[in-house]
Amino acid sequence: MHLPSANLPSKPGSRARKALAFTLTEMMVTMAVFLLVVIAMVSLQTFGVRMTSITASKLTSIGYSLTALDAIRDEVRGANSVFVGNGTGALFTATGTVGNTLEIFPTTNNSYIQVYLNTNSGSLYTLHGTNSGAFLIASGITNHVAFQSMNYAGNIATNSQDHYTITMTLKFCQLAYQVPGKTYDYYTMEATMTPRTQN
């Protein structure tokens, strides 16, 4: 029986094959690093989706509110006369100073536009005359006094003021997102409007 000598060279390529193989420890370290990278990427993706949702919700609600403010501002600026008071729908009592309702007369006839804040539902409505239905223009409003008549110095005007501006303040509380828990977004919109035609 012939035994190979210990000094004989090994077969060509066997050493190269041994160099290419991974040990169990190297495989475990590689898998651990790969797992950490995957977890980091998933976490970043989840964070990005959440931030996109929050931003989209805020931009939508703010854009909706600005559209409402612009519509009311344009009606007041072009009005023949504007009265501040309290009311809901067709009912209106003029106070001349502060209230939850604006009654806007675009011309000298009796047709009017009423913008009123329903404090029970926190919604702002517009009503064109007594025969039409109320149209929702904003919701999620928390304040009860939305309109103030201001004089030239920025103080609350009285009924006897000849020149005045109308300040509309709307404080919003709207749901920002629901996951992982309900989170609300609070912001205030304010606009100052001056009717072009004044006594």
Protein backbone atom coordinates (compact mmCIF):
# COMPACT_ATOMS: atom_id res chain seq x y z
CA MET A 1 0.00 0.00 0.00
CA HIS A 2 1.36 3.38 -1.04
CA LEU A 3 0.59 6.44 1.14
CA PRO A 4 0.98 9.95 -0.28
CA SER A 5 3.77 11.96 1.16
CA ALA A 6 2.90 14.89 3.41
CA ASN A 7 5.29 17.10 1.46
CA LEU A 8 3.51 16.63 -1.85
CA PRO A 9 1.86 19.78 -3.19
CA SER A 10 -1.95 19.93 -3.04
CA LYS A 11 -4.01 19.78 -6.19
CA PRO A 12 -4.10 22.99 -8.22
CA GLY A 13 -7.09 25.25 -7.41
CA SER A 14 -7.97 23.71 -4.04
CA ARG A 15 -6.42 26.61 -2.13
CA ALA A 16 -8.39 29.12 -4.27
CA ARG A 17 -11.64 27.28 -3.54
CA LYS A 18 -10.94 27.43 0.19
CA ALA A 19 -10.30 31.21 -0.02
CA LEU A 20 -13.70 31.86 -1.68
CA ALA A 21 -15.81 30.12 0.92
CA PHE A 22 -17.55 31.97 3.81
CA THR A 23 -17.47 30.80 7.34
CA LEU A 24 -20.61 30.59 9.43
CA THR A 25 -19.53 33.64 11.46
CA GLU A 26 -19.03 35.73 8.31
CA MET A 27 -22.46 34.73 7.00
CA MET A 28 -24.11 35.65 10.31
CA VAL A 29 -22.40 39.07 10.39
CA THR A 30 -23.36 39.71 6.78
CA MET A 31 -26.99 38.78 7.41
CA ALA A 32 -27.10 40.97 10.54
CA VAL A 33 -25.76 44.00 8.64
CA PHE A 34 -28.21 43.37 5.77
CA LEU A 35 -31.10 43.09 8.24
CA LEU A 36 -30.15 46.39 9.88
CA VAL A 37 -30.07 48.11 6.48
CA VAL A 38 -33.51 46.69 5.57
CA ILE A 39 -35.00 47.79 8.91
CA ALA A 40 -33.57 51.30 8.45
CA MET A 41 -34.99 51.56 4.93
CA VAL A 42 -38.45 50.38 6.01
CA SER A 43 -38.43 52.81 8.95
CA LEU A 44 -37.50 55.71 6.66
CA GLN A 45 -40.20 54.73 4.20
CA THR A 46 -42.83 54.58 6.96
CA PHE A 47 -41.73 57.95 8.32
CA GLY A 48 -41.89 59.46 4.82
CA VAL A 49 -45.43 58.14 4.24
CA ARG A 50 -46.57 59.52 7.60
CA MET A 51 -45.05 62.97 6.93
CA THR A 52 -46.60 63.05 3.46
CA SER A 53 -50.00 62.24 4.96
CA ILE A 54 -49.69 64.94 7.62
CA THR A 55 -48.50 67.57 5.15
CA ALA A 56 -51.20 66.73 2.61
CA SER A 57 -53.89 66.96 5.30
CA LYS A 58 -52.64 70.33 6.52
CA LEU A 59 -52.33 71.78 3.02
CA THR A 60 -55.81 70.57 2.09
CA SER A 61 -57.46 72.04 5.19
CA ILE A 62 -55.57 75.34 4.94
CA GLY A 63 -56.35 75.66 1.23
CA TYR A 64 -60.01 74.94 1.94
CA SER A 65 -60.08 77.62 4.65
CA LEU A 66 -58.30 80.20 2.49
CA THR A 67 -60.81 79.63 -0.31
CA ALA A 68 -63.65 80.33 2.16
CA LEU A 69 -61.96 83.49 3.45
CA ASP A 70 -61.32 84.77 -0.07
CA ALA A 71 -64.95 84.24 -1.10
CA ILE A 72 -66.30 86.11 1.93
CA ARG A 73 -63.73 88.88 1.59
CA ASP A 74 -64.69 89.48 -2.05
CA GLU A 75 -68.40 89.63 -1.12
CA VAL A 76 -67.74 92.18 1.64
CA ARG A 77 -65.47 94.37 -0.49
CA GLY A 78 -68.02 94.62 -3.27
CA ALA A 79 -71.05 95.07 -1.01
CA ASN A 80 -73.31 98.09 -0.80
CA SER A 81 -73.70 97.56 2.95
CA VAL A 82 -72.59 95.02 5.57
CA PHE A 83 -74.02 94.39 9.04
CA VAL A 84 -72.46 92.46 11.91
CA GLY A 85 -74.78 90.62 14.27
CA ASN A 86 -76.03 87.30 15.56
CA GLY A 87 -78.21 84.77 13.84
CA THR A 88 -78.55 81.40 12.19
CA GLY A 89 -80.01 81.11 8.76
CA ALA A 90 -82.83 83.55 8.02
CA LEU A 91 -82.90 84.97 11.56
CA PHE A 92 -80.60 87.93 12.14
CA THR A 93 -80.17 90.57 14.85
CA ALA A 94 -77.74 93.37 14.07
CA THR A 95 -75.34 94.34 16.85
CA GLY A 96 -73.02 96.51 14.80
CA THR A 97 -69.99 95.46 16.85
CA VAL A 98 -69.39 91.71 17.29
CA GLY A 99 -71.28 88.57 16.39
CA ASN A 100 -71.35 85.24 14.65
CA THR A 101 -73.11 86.47 11.49
CA LEU A 102 -72.53 88.87 8.62
CA GLU A 103 -75.41 90.13 6.53
CA ILE A 104 -74.15 91.42 3.20
CA PHE A 105 -76.26 93.46 0.79
CA PRO A 106 -74.52 93.44 -2.63
CA THR A 107 -76.88 96.09 -4.06
CA THR A 108 -79.48 98.55 -2.82
CA ASN A 109 -82.38 96.10 -3.17
CA ASN A 110 -83.39 93.64 -0.45
CA SER A 111 -81.42 90.63 -1.70
CA TYR A 112 -78.73 89.66 0.77
CA ILE A 113 -76.04 87.11 1.49
CA GLN A 114 -75.74 85.88 5.04
CA VAL A 115 -72.55 84.29 6.36
CA TYR A 116 -73.11 82.70 9.74
CA LEU A 117 -71.20 80.52 12.15
CA ASN A 118 -73.20 77.69 13.68
CA THR A 119 -71.53 77.45 17.08
CA ASN A 120 -73.15 74.08 17.88
CA SER A 121 -71.56 72.29 14.92
CA GLY A 122 -68.55 74.60 14.51
CA SER A 123 -69.42 75.15 10.84
CA LEU A 124 -69.48 78.30 8.72
CA TYR A 125 -72.38 78.58 6.26
CA THR A 126 -73.44 80.99 3.56
CA LEU A 127 -77.07 81.66 2.69
CA HIS A 128 -78.27 83.58 -0.38
CA GLY A 129 -81.62 85.10 0.57
CA THR A 130 -84.41 83.49 2.52
CA ASN A 131 -85.48 80.99 -0.15
CA SER A 132 -82.19 79.15 -0.66
CA GLY A 133 -80.52 76.47 1.41
CA ALA A 134 -77.41 77.04 3.50
CA PHE A 135 -74.11 76.08 1.89
CA LEU A 136 -71.24 74.77 4.07
CA ILE A 137 -67.97 76.61 3.43
CA ALA A 138 -65.82 75.65 6.45
CA SER A 139 -65.96 73.26 9.41
CA GLY A 140 -64.00 72.46 12.56
CA ILE A 141 -64.27 76.03 13.92
CA THR A 142 -63.96 76.39 17.69
CA ASN A 143 -64.55 80.11 18.38
CA HIS A 144 -68.06 81.52 18.92
CA VAL A 145 -67.48 85.12 17.81
CA ALA A 146 -66.28 85.22 14.23
CA PHE A 147 -66.92 88.81 13.10
CA GLN A 148 -66.02 92.21 14.54
CA SER A 149 -66.61 95.69 13.21
CA MET A 150 -63.45 97.76 13.73
CA ASN A 151 -62.85 101.51 13.42
CA TYR A 152 -59.84 103.21 11.86
CA ALA A 153 -57.79 102.78 15.09
CA GLY A 154 -58.36 99.01 15.26
CA ASN A 155 -60.87 99.18 18.12
CA ILE A 156 -64.32 97.60 18.11
CA ALA A 157 -66.59 100.08 16.35
CA THR A 158 -70.00 101.25 17.49
CA ASN A 159 -73.17 101.58 15.43
CA SER A 160 -72.44 105.27 14.87
CA GLN A 161 -69.10 104.74 13.10
CA ASP A 162 -69.13 105.97 9.51
CA HIS A 163 -65.94 104.22 8.39
CA TYR A 164 -65.24 100.68 9.50
CA THR A 165 -63.65 97.41 8.58
CA ILE A 166 -64.84 93.88 9.25
CA THR A 167 -62.44 91.47 10.93
CA MET A 168 -63.19 87.78 10.53
CA THR A 169 -61.38 85.37 12.86
CA LEU A 170 -61.75 81.61 12.50
CA LYS A 171 -59.99 79.23 14.88
CA PHE A 172 -59.78 75.72 13.48
CA CYS A 173 -59.31 72.35 15.16
CA GLN A 174 -58.99 69.60 12.57
CA LEU A 175 -57.88 65.98 12.65
CA ALA A 176 -54.33 65.76 11.32
CA TYR A 177 -53.97 61.96 11.30
CA GLN A 178 -55.28 58.91 13.14
CA VAL A 179 -52.30 56.53 13.26
CA PRO A 180 -50.85 55.65 15.76
CA GLY A 181 -53.28 57.88 17.71
CA LYS A 182 -55.62 60.74 16.89
CA THR A 183 -53.71 63.99 16.54
CA TYR A 184 -55.38 67.35 15.97
CA ASP A 185 -54.04 70.42 14.24
CA TYR A 186 -54.92 73.89 15.56
CA TYR A 187 -54.57 77.09 13.57
CA THR A 188 -56.18 80.53 13.24
CA MET A 189 -57.20 82.33 10.06
CA GLU A 190 -57.89 86.05 10.18
CA ALA A 191 -58.94 88.47 7.45
CA THR A 192 -59.72 92.18 7.56
CA MET A 193 -62.18 93.44 4.95
CA THR A 194 -63.37 96.95 4.12
CA PRO A 195 -66.60 97.48 2.20
CA ARG A 196 -65.99 99.83 -0.73
CA THR A 197 -69.32 101.62 -0.24
CA GLN A 198 -69.71 103.16 3.20
CA ASN A 199 -72.04 105.83 4.57
